Amino acid sequence: MMTQSFILEYWNDNDWLVGRLKGVPGVFSQGQTLAELEENIRDAYRLMATDAEPAPE
């Protein structure tokens, strides 16, 4: 299994941390803690990657 690494860019927006995966368009999320943001951004990436897979024929 090959592991891929990404850069998580994040900033404060009031009481939330908002982040995106640098270099991966459309993958954004938020969390109240860095750990929550990291978990949510992983989920957002998985959803994007699943949607990008071709449908079985």
N, C-alpha and C. Protein backbone atom coordinates (compact mmCIF):
# COMPACT_ATOMS: atom_id res chain seq x y z
N MET A 1 0.84 -1.18 0.00
CA MET A 1 0.00 0.00 0.00
C MET A 1 0.89 1.24 0.00
N MET A 2 0.58 2.17 -0.89
CA MET A 2 1.37 3.40 -1.00
C MET A 2 0.71 4.51 -0.18
N THR A 3 1.49 5.19 0.62
CA THR A 3 0.98 6.30 1.42
C THR A 3 1.27 7.61 0.72
N GLN A 4 0.27 8.48 0.70
CA GLN A 4 0.42 9.78 0.07
C GLN A 4 0.40 10.85 1.15
N SER A 5 1.20 11.89 0.98
CA SER A 5 1.25 12.99 1.94
C SER A 5 0.73 14.26 1.31
N PHE A 6 0.05 15.06 2.12
CA PHE A 6 -0.48 16.34 1.68
C PHE A 6 -0.13 17.40 2.71
N ILE A 7 -0.20 18.65 2.31
CA ILE A 7 0.01 19.77 3.22
C ILE A 7 -1.36 20.32 3.60
N LEU A 8 -1.64 20.37 4.90
CA LEU A 8 -2.88 20.95 5.40
C LEU A 8 -2.61 22.40 5.73
N GLU A 9 -3.28 23.29 5.02
CA GLU A 9 -3.17 24.72 5.28
C GLU A 9 -4.43 25.11 6.06
N TYR A 10 -4.27 25.77 7.22
CA TYR A 10 -5.46 26.10 8.01
C TYR A 10 -5.32 27.47 8.65
N TRP A 11 -6.47 28.03 9.05
CA TRP A 11 -6.53 29.36 9.64
C TRP A 11 -7.69 29.42 10.62
N ASN A 12 -7.66 30.42 11.48
CA ASN A 12 -8.75 30.64 12.45
C ASN A 12 -9.85 31.45 11.79
N ASP A 13 -11.07 31.04 12.04
CA ASP A 13 -12.25 31.79 11.61
C ASP A 13 -13.21 31.81 12.79
N ASN A 14 -13.10 32.85 13.59
CA ASN A 14 -13.82 32.96 14.87
C ASN A 14 -13.43 31.79 15.77
N ASP A 15 -14.35 30.94 16.16
CA ASP A 15 -14.03 29.83 17.06
C ASP A 15 -13.68 28.53 16.33
N TRP A 16 -13.52 28.60 15.02
CA TRP A 16 -13.26 27.41 14.22
C TRP A 16 -11.89 27.46 13.58
N LEU A 17 -11.32 26.30 13.32
CA LEU A 17 -10.16 26.17 12.44
C LEU A 17 -10.72 25.70 11.10
N VAL A 18 -10.37 26.40 10.05
CA VAL A 18 -10.81 26.05 8.70
C VAL A 18 -9.57 25.67 7.92
N GLY A 19 -9.67 24.60 7.13
CA GLY A 19 -8.49 24.16 6.42
C GLY A 19 -8.79 23.61 5.04
N ARG A 20 -7.72 23.48 4.29
CA ARG A 20 -7.79 22.89 2.95
C ARG A 20 -6.53 22.10 2.70
N LEU A 21 -6.62 21.14 1.79
CA LEU A 21 -5.43 20.41 1.37
C LEU A 21 -4.80 21.19 0.23
N LYS A 22 -3.61 21.65 0.46
CA LYS A 22 -2.88 22.43 -0.55
C LYS A 22 -2.62 21.55 -1.77
N GLY A 23 -3.00 22.05 -2.93
CA GLY A 23 -2.77 21.30 -4.16
C GLY A 23 -3.88 20.33 -4.52
N VAL A 24 -4.92 20.25 -3.68
CA VAL A 24 -6.05 19.36 -3.97
C VAL A 24 -7.31 20.23 -4.01
N PRO A 25 -7.74 20.64 -5.19
CA PRO A 25 -8.89 21.54 -5.30
C PRO A 25 -10.16 20.93 -4.70
N GLY A 26 -10.90 21.76 -3.98
CA GLY A 26 -12.21 21.34 -3.49
C GLY A 26 -12.23 20.60 -2.17
N VAL A 27 -11.09 20.37 -1.54
CA VAL A 27 -11.07 19.65 -0.26
C VAL A 27 -10.86 20.67 0.86
N PHE A 28 -11.98 21.06 1.48
CA PHE A 28 -12.01 22.00 2.59
C PHE A 28 -12.77 21.37 3.73
N SER A 29 -12.48 21.78 4.96
CA SER A 29 -13.28 21.36 6.11
C SER A 29 -13.01 22.29 7.27
N GLN A 30 -13.61 21.98 8.42
CA GLN A 30 -13.42 22.79 9.61
C GLN A 30 -13.49 21.90 10.84
N GLY A 31 -13.03 22.44 11.96
CA GLY A 31 -13.10 21.75 13.24
C GLY A 31 -12.82 22.73 14.37
N GLN A 32 -13.24 22.35 15.56
CA GLN A 32 -12.99 23.23 16.71
C GLN A 32 -11.59 23.01 17.28
N THR A 33 -10.98 21.88 16.97
CA THR A 33 -9.60 21.60 17.37
C THR A 33 -8.83 21.15 16.13
N LEU A 34 -7.51 21.17 16.23
CA LEU A 34 -6.70 20.71 15.10
C LEU A 34 -6.95 19.23 14.82
N ALA A 35 -7.10 18.42 15.88
CA ALA A 35 -7.37 16.99 15.69
C ALA A 35 -8.69 16.78 14.96
N GLU A 36 -9.72 17.56 15.33
CA GLU A 36 -11.02 17.44 14.67
C GLU A 36 -10.92 17.89 13.21
N LEU A 37 -10.21 18.97 12.96
CA LEU A 37 -10.01 19.43 11.58
C LEU A 37 -9.30 18.36 10.76
N GLU A 38 -8.25 17.77 11.29
CA GLU A 38 -7.51 16.73 10.56
C GLU A 38 -8.42 15.54 10.23
N GLU A 39 -9.24 15.12 11.17
CA GLU A 39 -10.16 14.01 10.92
C GLU A 39 -11.18 14.39 9.84
N ASN A 40 -11.72 15.59 9.95
CA ASN A 40 -12.73 16.04 8.98
C ASN A 40 -12.14 16.22 7.59
N ILE A 41 -10.90 16.69 7.50
CA ILE A 41 -10.28 16.89 6.18
C ILE A 41 -9.98 15.54 5.54
N ARG A 42 -9.61 14.54 6.36
CA ARG A 42 -9.42 13.18 5.83
C ARG A 42 -10.73 12.65 5.26
N ASP A 43 -11.82 12.85 5.99
CA ASP A 43 -13.13 12.41 5.51
C ASP A 43 -13.50 13.12 4.21
N ALA A 44 -13.26 14.42 4.14
CA ALA A 44 -13.57 15.18 2.92
C ALA A 44 -12.74 14.66 1.74
N TYR A 45 -11.47 14.34 1.98
CA TYR A 45 -10.62 13.81 0.91
C TYR A 45 -11.13 12.44 0.45
N ARG A 46 -11.49 11.57 1.42
CA ARG A 46 -12.00 10.24 1.06
C ARG A 46 -13.26 10.36 0.21
N LEU A 47 -14.16 11.26 0.60
CA LEU A 47 -15.39 11.45 -0.18
C LEU A 47 -15.07 11.94 -1.59
N MET A 48 -14.14 12.88 -1.71
CA MET A 48 -13.76 13.39 -3.02
C MET A 48 -13.13 12.29 -3.86
N ALA A 49 -12.26 11.49 -3.25
CA ALA A 49 -11.57 10.43 -3.98
C ALA A 49 -12.56 9.34 -4.41
N THR A 50 -13.53 9.04 -3.57
CA THR A 50 -14.55 8.04 -3.91
C THR A 50 -15.42 8.52 -5.04
N ASP A 51 -15.80 9.80 -5.00
CA ASP A 51 -16.63 10.37 -6.08
C ASP A 51 -15.87 10.42 -7.40
N ALA A 52 -14.54 10.52 -7.35
CA ALA A 52 -13.74 10.64 -8.56
C ALA A 52 -13.49 9.29 -9.23
N GLU A 53 -13.73 8.19 -8.51
CA GLU A 53 -13.51 6.86 -9.08
C GLU A 53 -14.57 6.58 -10.15
N PRO A 54 -14.15 5.94 -11.24
CA PRO A 54 -15.14 5.61 -12.27
C PRO A 54 -16.14 4.59 -11.75
N ALA A 55 -17.37 4.70 -12.20
CA ALA A 55 -18.42 3.76 -11.80
C ALA A 55 -18.14 2.40 -12.44
N PRO A 56 -18.42 1.33 -11.70
CA PRO A 56 -18.21 -0.02 -12.26
C PRO A 56 -19.15 -0.24 -13.45
N GLU A 57 -18.66 -0.97 -14.42
CA GLU A 57 -19.47 -1.23 -15.63
C GLU A 57 -20.25 -2.50 -15.50
